[in-house]
Amino acid sequence: MLNSRKVAYFSKENPLTPLGQRIVKNGQEAGKAAILRHKAMGNPIYYVKEGVLIKELTDGTRYAVKVTKTGIHHLYKL
């Protein structure tokens, strides 16, 4: 039988360890670097903000978009 244990989430009472803080920081920096490389190659990025799917072009222009079986459709410019 497998042992089970409760997962403790980090909070003020259970702060992230210094190693955990470095892991989070490195992950954030790697994500930012990947986004910059992707945009430098001329590709748009997509992300969700407040429940809306956003397409951001390399020049910073942003559109709310909808994805369907027929493709990606611009709903409106942000």
PDB file of N, CA and C in Angstrom:
ATOM      1  N   MET A   1       0.842  -1.172   0.000  1.00  0.00           N
ATOM      2  CA  MET A   1       0.000   0.000   0.000  1.00  0.00           C
ATOM      3  C   MET A   1       0.892   1.242   0.000  1.00  0.00           C
ATOM      4  N   LEU A   2       0.493   2.226  -0.810  1.00  0.00           N
ATOM      5  CA  LEU A   2       1.254   3.464  -0.889  1.00  0.00           C
ATOM      6  C   LEU A   2       0.915   4.379   0.276  1.00  0.00           C
ATOM      7  N   ASN A   3       1.924   5.055   0.760  1.00  0.00           N
ATOM      8  CA  ASN A   3       1.683   6.060   1.795  1.00  0.00           C
ATOM      9  C   ASN A   3       1.160   7.326   1.149  1.00  0.00           C
ATOM     10  N   SER A   4       0.254   7.974   1.826  1.00  0.00           N
ATOM     11  CA  SER A   4      -0.219   9.257   1.312  1.00  0.00           C
ATOM     12  C   SER A   4       0.144  10.327   2.313  1.00  0.00           C
ATOM     13  N   ARG A   5       0.378  11.513   1.810  1.00  0.00           N
ATOM     14  CA  ARG A   5       0.650  12.609   2.725  1.00  0.00           C
ATOM     15  C   ARG A   5       0.010  13.871   2.188  1.00  0.00           C
ATOM     16  N   LYS A   6      -0.308  14.745   3.089  1.00  0.00           N
ATOM     17  CA  LYS A   6      -0.977  15.987   2.735  1.00  0.00           C
ATOM     18  C   LYS A   6       0.038  16.936   2.086  1.00  0.00           C
ATOM     19  N   VAL A   7      -0.387  17.608   1.026  1.00  0.00           N
ATOM     20  CA  VAL A   7       0.462  18.584   0.360  1.00  0.00           C
ATOM     21  C   VAL A   7       0.271  19.919   1.059  1.00  0.00           C
ATOM     22  N   ALA A   8       1.351  20.511   1.515  1.00  0.00           N
ATOM     23  CA  ALA A   8       1.287  21.824   2.161  1.00  0.00           C
ATOM     24  C   ALA A   8       1.631  22.884   1.120  1.00  0.00           C
ATOM     25  N   TYR A   9       0.751  23.828   0.935  1.00  0.00           N
ATOM     26  CA  TYR A   9       1.009  24.914   0.004  1.00  0.00           C
ATOM     27  C   TYR A   9       1.747  26.026   0.725  1.00  0.00           C
ATOM     28  N   PHE A  10       2.495  26.791  -0.008  1.00  0.00           N
ATOM     29  CA  PHE A  10       3.312  27.824   0.590  1.00  0.00           C
ATOM     30  C   PHE A  10       2.464  29.029   0.955  1.00  0.00           C
ATOM     31  N   SER A  11       2.747  29.581   2.110  1.00  0.00           N
ATOM     32  CA  SER A  11       2.028  30.731   2.629  1.00  0.00           C
ATOM     33  C   SER A  11       2.953  31.463   3.589  1.00  0.00           C
ATOM     34  N   LYS A  12       2.423  32.463   4.275  1.00  0.00           N
ATOM     35  CA  LYS A  12       3.246  33.165   5.267  1.00  0.00           C
ATOM     36  C   LYS A  12       3.695  32.202   6.356  1.00  0.00           C
ATOM     37  N   GLU A  13       2.826  31.255   6.705  1.00  0.00           N
ATOM     38  CA  GLU A  13       3.177  30.280   7.737  1.00  0.00           C
ATOM     39  C   GLU A  13       4.156  29.231   7.218  1.00  0.00           C
ATOM     40  N   ASN A  14       4.104  28.919   5.936  1.00  0.00           N
ATOM     41  CA  ASN A  14       4.991  27.938   5.300  1.00  0.00           C
ATOM     42  C   ASN A  14       5.670  28.592   4.098  1.00  0.00           C
ATOM     43  N   PRO A  15       6.678  29.446   4.336  1.00  0.00           N
ATOM     44  CA  PRO A  15       7.296  30.160   3.216  1.00  0.00           C
ATOM     45  C   PRO A  15       8.133  29.238   2.335  1.00  0.00           C
ATOM     46  N   LEU A  16       8.348  29.703   1.134  1.00  0.00           N
ATOM     47  CA  LEU A  16       9.197  28.986   0.188  1.00  0.00           C
ATOM     48  C   LEU A  16      10.638  29.027   0.697  1.00  0.00           C
ATOM     49  N   THR A  17      11.347  27.937   0.582  1.00  0.00           N
ATOM     50  CA  THR A  17      12.744  27.875   1.018  1.00  0.00           C
ATOM     51  C   THR A  17      13.609  28.700   0.059  1.00  0.00           C
ATOM     52  N   PRO A  18      14.834  29.043   0.446  1.00  0.00           N
ATOM     53  CA  PRO A  18      15.717  29.764  -0.482  1.00  0.00           C
ATOM     54  C   PRO A  18      15.922  29.002  -1.796  1.00  0.00           C
ATOM     55  N   LEU A  19      16.049  27.684  -1.716  1.00  0.00           N
ATOM     56  CA  LEU A  19      16.177  26.901  -2.946  1.00  0.00           C
ATOM     57  C   LEU A  19      14.918  27.035  -3.789  1.00  0.00           C
ATOM     58  N   GLY A  20      13.768  26.937  -3.166  1.00  0.00           N
ATOM     59  CA  GLY A  20      12.503  27.093  -3.884  1.00  0.00           C
ATOM     60  C   GLY A  20      12.393  28.463  -4.520  1.00  0.00           C
ATOM     61  N   GLN A  21      12.847  29.497  -3.815  1.00  0.00           N
ATOM     62  CA  GLN A  21      12.820  30.857  -4.357  1.00  0.00           C
ATOM     63  C   GLN A  21      13.710  30.972  -5.591  1.00  0.00           C
ATOM     64  N   ARG A  22      14.891  30.333  -5.555  1.00  0.00           N
ATOM     65  CA  ARG A  22      15.787  30.354  -6.716  1.00  0.00           C
ATOM     66  C   ARG A  22      15.169  29.608  -7.891  1.00  0.00           C
ATOM     67  N   ILE A  23      14.508  28.496  -7.615  1.00  0.00           N
ATOM     68  CA  ILE A  23      13.863  27.724  -8.681  1.00  0.00           C
ATOM     69  C   ILE A  23      12.772  28.557  -9.346  1.00  0.00           C
ATOM     70  N   VAL A  24      11.948  29.216  -8.548  1.00  0.00           N
ATOM     71  CA  VAL A  24      10.887  30.064  -9.099  1.00  0.00           C
ATOM     72  C   VAL A  24      11.483  31.197  -9.932  1.00  0.00           C
ATOM     73  N   LYS A  25      12.511  31.873  -9.401  1.00  0.00           N
ATOM     74  CA  LYS A  25      13.144  32.988 -10.114  1.00  0.00           C
ATOM     75  C   LYS A  25      13.744  32.519 -11.434  1.00  0.00           C
ATOM     76  N   ASN A  26      14.454  31.383 -11.402  1.00  0.00           N
ATOM     77  CA  ASN A  26      15.058  30.855 -12.632  1.00  0.00           C
ATOM     78  C   ASN A  26      13.995  30.474 -13.651  1.00  0.00           C
ATOM     79  N   GLY A  27      12.900  29.909 -13.191  1.00  0.00           N
ATOM     80  CA  GLY A  27      11.807  29.558 -14.096  1.00  0.00           C
ATOM     81  C   GLY A  27      11.193  30.787 -14.745  1.00  0.00           C
ATOM     82  N   GLN A  28      10.992  31.828 -13.956  1.00  0.00           N
ATOM     83  CA  GLN A  28      10.434  33.069 -14.500  1.00  0.00           C
ATOM     84  C   GLN A  28      11.378  33.689 -15.526  1.00  0.00           C
ATOM     85  N   GLU A  29      12.676  33.715 -15.213  1.00  0.00           N
ATOM     86  CA  GLU A  29      13.658  34.273 -16.148  1.00  0.00           C
ATOM     87  C   GLU A  29      13.728  33.453 -17.433  1.00  0.00           C
ATOM     88  N   ALA A  30      13.656  32.136 -17.326  1.00  0.00           N
ATOM     89  CA  ALA A  30      13.687  31.275 -18.512  1.00  0.00           C
ATOM     90  C   ALA A  30      12.451  31.510 -19.375  1.00  0.00           C
ATOM     91  N   GLY A  31      11.301  31.680 -18.733  1.00  0.00           N
ATOM     92  CA  GLY A  31      10.067  31.947 -19.477  1.00  0.00           C
ATOM     93  C   GLY A  31      10.141  33.267 -20.221  1.00  0.00           C
ATOM     94  N   LYS A  32      10.647  34.308 -19.555  1.00  0.00           N
ATOM     95  CA  LYS A  32      10.786  35.615 -20.206  1.00  0.00           C
ATOM     96  C   LYS A  32      11.742  35.542 -21.391  1.00  0.00           C
ATOM     97  N   ALA A  33      12.868  34.835 -21.212  1.00  0.00           N
ATOM     98  CA  ALA A  33      13.850  34.698 -22.290  1.00  0.00           C
ATOM     99  C   ALA A  33      13.247  33.951 -23.482  1.00  0.00           C
ATOM    100  N   ALA A  34      12.457  32.921 -23.210  1.00  0.00           N
ATOM    101  CA  ALA A  34      11.827  32.152 -24.292  1.00  0.00           C
ATOM    102  C   ALA A  34      10.833  33.023 -25.063  1.00  0.00           C
ATOM    103  N   ILE A  35      10.086  33.845 -24.344  1.00  0.00           N
ATOM    104  CA  ILE A  35       9.130  34.744 -25.001  1.00  0.00           C
ATOM    105  C   ILE A  35       9.872  35.737 -25.890  1.00  0.00           C
ATOM    106  N   LEU A  36      10.959  36.320 -25.384  1.00  0.00           N
ATOM    107  CA  LEU A  36      11.736  37.276 -26.184  1.00  0.00           C
ATOM    108  C   LEU A  36      12.310  36.622 -27.439  1.00  0.00           C
ATOM    109  N   ARG A  37      12.849  35.400 -27.310  1.00  0.00           N
ATOM    110  CA  ARG A  37      13.382  34.684 -28.482  1.00  0.00           C
ATOM    111  C   ARG A  37      12.278  34.404 -29.489  1.00  0.00           C
ATOM    112  N   HIS A  38      11.125  33.971 -29.008  1.00  0.00           N
ATOM    113  CA  HIS A  38      10.000  33.641 -29.876  1.00  0.00           C
ATOM    114  C   HIS A  38       9.556  34.877 -30.659  1.00  0.00           C
ATOM    115  N   LYS A  39       9.429  36.009 -29.957  1.00  0.00           N
ATOM    116  CA  LYS A  39       9.027  37.245 -30.622  1.00  0.00           C
ATOM    117  C   LYS A  39      10.105  37.748 -31.576  1.00  0.00           C
ATOM    118  N   ALA A  40      11.385  37.555 -31.220  1.00  0.00           N
ATOM    119  CA  ALA A  40      12.492  37.982 -32.084  1.00  0.00           C
ATOM    120  C   ALA A  40      12.488  37.230 -33.408  1.00  0.00           C
ATOM    121  N   MET A  41      11.943  36.020 -33.410  1.00  0.00           N
ATOM    122  CA  MET A  41      11.837  35.236 -34.644  1.00  0.00           C
ATOM    123  C   MET A  41      10.617  35.641 -35.471  1.00  0.00           C
ATOM    124  N   GLY A  42       9.866  36.652 -34.980  1.00  0.00           N
ATOM    125  CA  GLY A  42       8.713  37.144 -35.738  1.00  0.00           C
ATOM    126  C   GLY A  42       7.410  36.448 -35.407  1.00  0.00           C
ATOM    127  N   ASN A  43       7.378  35.669 -34.349  1.00  0.00           N
ATOM    128  CA  ASN A  43       6.183  34.923 -33.982  1.00  0.00           C
ATOM    129  C   ASN A  43       5.363  35.666 -32.917  1.00  0.00           C
ATOM    130  N   PRO A  44       4.047  35.610 -33.022  1.00  0.00           N
ATOM    131  CA  PRO A  44       3.223  36.194 -31.963  1.00  0.00           C
ATOM    132  C   PRO A  44       3.219  35.279 -30.741  1.00  0.00           C
ATOM    133  N   ILE A  45       2.849  35.851 -29.596  1.00  0.00           N
ATOM    134  CA  ILE A  45       2.670  35.042 -28.395  1.00  0.00           C
ATOM    135  C   ILE A  45       1.195  35.073 -28.027  1.00  0.00           C
ATOM    136  N   TYR A  46       0.751  34.056 -27.332  1.00  0.00           N
ATOM    137  CA  TYR A  46      -0.637  33.948 -26.889  1.00  0.00           C
ATOM    138  C   TYR A  46      -0.638  33.730 -25.381  1.00  0.00           C
ATOM    139  N   TYR A  47      -1.583  34.373 -24.709  1.00  0.00           N
ATOM    140  CA  TYR A  47      -1.728  34.177 -23.267  1.00  0.00           C
ATOM    141  C   TYR A  47      -3.152  34.521 -22.875  1.00  0.00           C
ATOM    142  N   VAL A  48      -3.531  34.112 -21.692  1.00  0.00           N
ATOM    143  CA  VAL A  48      -4.876  34.387 -21.180  1.00  0.00           C
ATOM    144  C   VAL A  48      -4.765  35.429 -20.083  1.00  0.00           C
ATOM    145  N   LYS A  49      -5.590  36.461 -20.182  1.00  0.00           N
ATOM    146  CA  LYS A  49      -5.636  37.509 -19.160  1.00  0.00           C
ATOM    147  C   LYS A  49      -7.095  37.776 -18.840  1.00  0.00           C
ATOM    148  N   GLU A  50      -7.448  37.608 -17.581  1.00  0.00           N
ATOM    149  CA  GLU A  50      -8.825  37.816 -17.108  1.00  0.00           C
ATOM    150  C   GLU A  50      -9.816  37.004 -17.939  1.00  0.00           C
ATOM    151  N   GLY A  51      -9.429  35.789 -18.278  1.00  0.00           N
ATOM    152  CA  GLY A  51     -10.313  34.879 -18.995  1.00  0.00           C
ATOM    153  C   GLY A  51     -10.405  35.113 -20.494  1.00  0.00           C
ATOM    154  N   VAL A  52      -9.614  36.050 -21.033  1.00  0.00           N
ATOM    155  CA  VAL A  52      -9.643  36.358 -22.466  1.00  0.00           C
ATOM    156  C   VAL A  52      -8.336  35.902 -23.100  1.00  0.00           C
ATOM    157  N   LEU A  53      -8.431  35.172 -24.213  1.00  0.00           N
ATOM    158  CA  LEU A  53      -7.244  34.739 -24.948  1.00  0.00           C
ATOM    159  C   LEU A  53      -6.720  35.925 -25.742  1.00  0.00           C
ATOM    160  N   ILE A  54      -5.434  36.257 -25.533  1.00  0.00           N
ATOM    161  CA  ILE A  54      -4.806  37.411 -26.164  1.00  0.00           C
ATOM    162  C   ILE A  54      -3.725  36.947 -27.134  1.00  0.00           C
ATOM    163  N   LYS A  55      -3.695  37.575 -28.312  1.00  0.00           N
ATOM    164  CA  LYS A  55      -2.610  37.364 -29.276  1.00  0.00           C
ATOM    165  C   LYS A  55      -1.814  38.661 -29.305  1.00  0.00           C
ATOM    166  N   GLU A  56      -0.512  38.586 -29.011  1.00  0.00           N
ATOM    167  CA  GLU A  56       0.349  39.768 -29.029  1.00  0.00           C
ATOM    168  C   GLU A  56       1.366  39.626 -30.143  1.00  0.00           C
ATOM    169  N   LEU A  57       1.352  40.590 -31.055  1.00  0.00           N
ATOM    170  CA  LEU A  57       2.286  40.574 -32.173  1.00  0.00           C
ATOM    171  C   LEU A  57       3.645  41.104 -31.727  1.00  0.00           C
ATOM    172  N   THR A  58       4.641  40.950 -32.588  1.00  0.00           N
ATOM    173  CA  THR A  58       5.998  41.357 -32.236  1.00  0.00           C
ATOM    174  C   THR A  58       6.119  42.861 -32.018  1.00  0.00           C
ATOM    175  N   ASP A  59       5.225  43.654 -32.605  1.00  0.00           N
ATOM    176  CA  ASP A  59       5.271  45.108 -32.413  1.00  0.00           C
ATOM    177  C   ASP A  59       4.493  45.557 -31.178  1.00  0.00           C
ATOM    178  N   GLY A  60       3.931  44.601 -30.432  1.00  0.00           N
ATOM    179  CA  GLY A  60       3.189  44.922 -29.221  1.00  0.00           C
ATOM    180  C   GLY A  60       1.689  45.054 -29.417  1.00  0.00           C
ATOM    181  N   THR A  61       1.225  45.036 -30.663  1.00  0.00           N
ATOM    182  CA  THR A  61      -0.211  45.092 -30.934  1.00  0.00           C
ATOM    183  C   THR A  61      -0.871  43.851 -30.353  1.00  0.00           C
ATOM    184  N   ARG A  62      -1.995  44.041 -29.665  1.00  0.00           N
ATOM    185  CA  ARG A  62      -2.679  42.923 -29.022  1.00  0.00           C
ATOM    186  C   ARG A  62      -4.115  42.820 -29.523  1.00  0.00           C
ATOM    187  N   TYR A  63      -4.581  41.584 -29.675  1.00  0.00           N
ATOM    188  CA  TYR A  63      -5.946  41.296 -30.093  1.00  0.00           C
ATOM    189  C   TYR A  63      -6.556  40.255 -29.162  1.00  0.00           C
ATOM    190  N   ALA A  64      -7.823  40.416 -28.865  1.00  0.00           N
ATOM    191  CA  ALA A  64      -8.575  39.344 -28.226  1.00  0.00           C
ATOM    192  C   ALA A  64      -8.928  38.390 -29.354  1.00  0.00           C
ATOM    193  N   VAL A  65      -8.707  37.096 -29.142  1.00  0.00           N
ATOM    194  CA  VAL A  65      -8.940  36.124 -30.211  1.00  0.00           C
ATOM    195  C   VAL A  65      -9.807  34.976 -29.718  1.00  0.00           C
ATOM    196  N   LYS A  66     -10.356  34.275 -30.710  1.00  0.00           N
ATOM    197  CA  LYS A  66     -11.146  33.075 -30.439  1.00  0.00           C
ATOM    198  C   LYS A  66     -10.602  31.985 -31.348  1.00  0.00           C
ATOM    199  N   VAL A  67     -10.429  30.791 -30.803  1.00  0.00           N
ATOM    200  CA  VAL A  67      -9.928  29.657 -31.576  1.00  0.00           C
ATOM    201  C   VAL A  67     -11.099  28.735 -31.889  1.00  0.00           C
ATOM    202  N   THR A  68     -11.263  28.422 -33.176  1.00  0.00           N
ATOM    203  CA  THR A  68     -12.312  27.491 -33.603  1.00  0.00           C
ATOM    204  C   THR A  68     -11.680  26.421 -34.486  1.00  0.00           C
ATOM    205  N   LYS A  69     -12.479  25.516 -34.975  1.00  0.00           N
ATOM    206  CA  LYS A  69     -11.979  24.471 -35.870  1.00  0.00           C
ATOM    207  C   LYS A  69     -11.436  25.051 -37.171  1.00  0.00           C
ATOM    208  N   THR A  70     -11.908  26.233 -37.539  1.00  0.00           N
ATOM    209  CA  THR A  70     -11.468  26.846 -38.798  1.00  0.00           C
ATOM    210  C   THR A  70     -10.272  27.772 -38.625  1.00  0.00           C
ATOM    211  N   GLY A  71      -9.820  27.986 -37.395  1.00  0.00           N
ATOM    212  CA  GLY A  71      -8.626  28.802 -37.194  1.00  0.00           C
ATOM    213  C   GLY A  71      -8.747  29.767 -36.037  1.00  0.00           C
ATOM    214  N   ILE A  72      -7.867  30.757 -36.028  1.00  0.00           N
ATOM    215  CA  ILE A  72      -7.828  31.783 -34.997  1.00  0.00           C
ATOM    216  C   ILE A  72      -8.467  33.040 -35.546  1.00  0.00           C
ATOM    217  N   HIS A  73      -9.431  33.558 -34.840  1.00  0.00           N
ATOM    218  CA  HIS A  73     -10.188  34.725 -35.314  1.00  0.00           C
ATOM    219  C   HIS A  73      -9.988  35.899 -34.365  1.00  0.00           C
ATOM    220  N   HIS A  74      -9.627  37.057 -34.943  1.00  0.00           N
ATOM    221  CA  HIS A  74      -9.487  38.267 -34.134  1.00  0.00           C
ATOM    222  C   HIS A  74     -10.873  38.775 -33.800  1.00  0.00           C
ATOM    223  N   LEU A  75     -11.126  39.001 -32.510  1.00  0.00           N
ATOM    224  CA  LEU A  75     -12.414  39.535 -32.082  1.00  0.00           C
ATOM    225  C   LEU A  75     -12.376  41.055 -32.048  1.00  0.00           C
ATOM    226  N   TYR A  76     -11.358  41.601 -31.402  1.00  0.00           N
ATOM    227  CA  TYR A  76     -11.199  43.051 -31.327  1.00  0.00           C
ATOM    228  C   TYR A  76      -9.777  43.380 -30.908  1.00  0.00           C
ATOM    229  N   LYS A  77      -9.351  44.594 -31.281  1.00  0.00           N
ATOM    230  CA  LYS A  77      -8.019  45.068 -30.917  1.00  0.00           C
ATOM    231  C   LYS A  77      -8.058  45.621 -29.507  1.00  0.00           C
ATOM    232  N   LEU A  78      -7.017  45.363 -28.746  1.00  0.00           N
ATOM    233  CA  LEU A  78      -6.936  45.867 -27.361  1.00  0.00           C
ATOM    234  C   LEU A  78      -6.086  47.118 -27.300  1.00  0.00           C
TER     235      LEU A  78
END
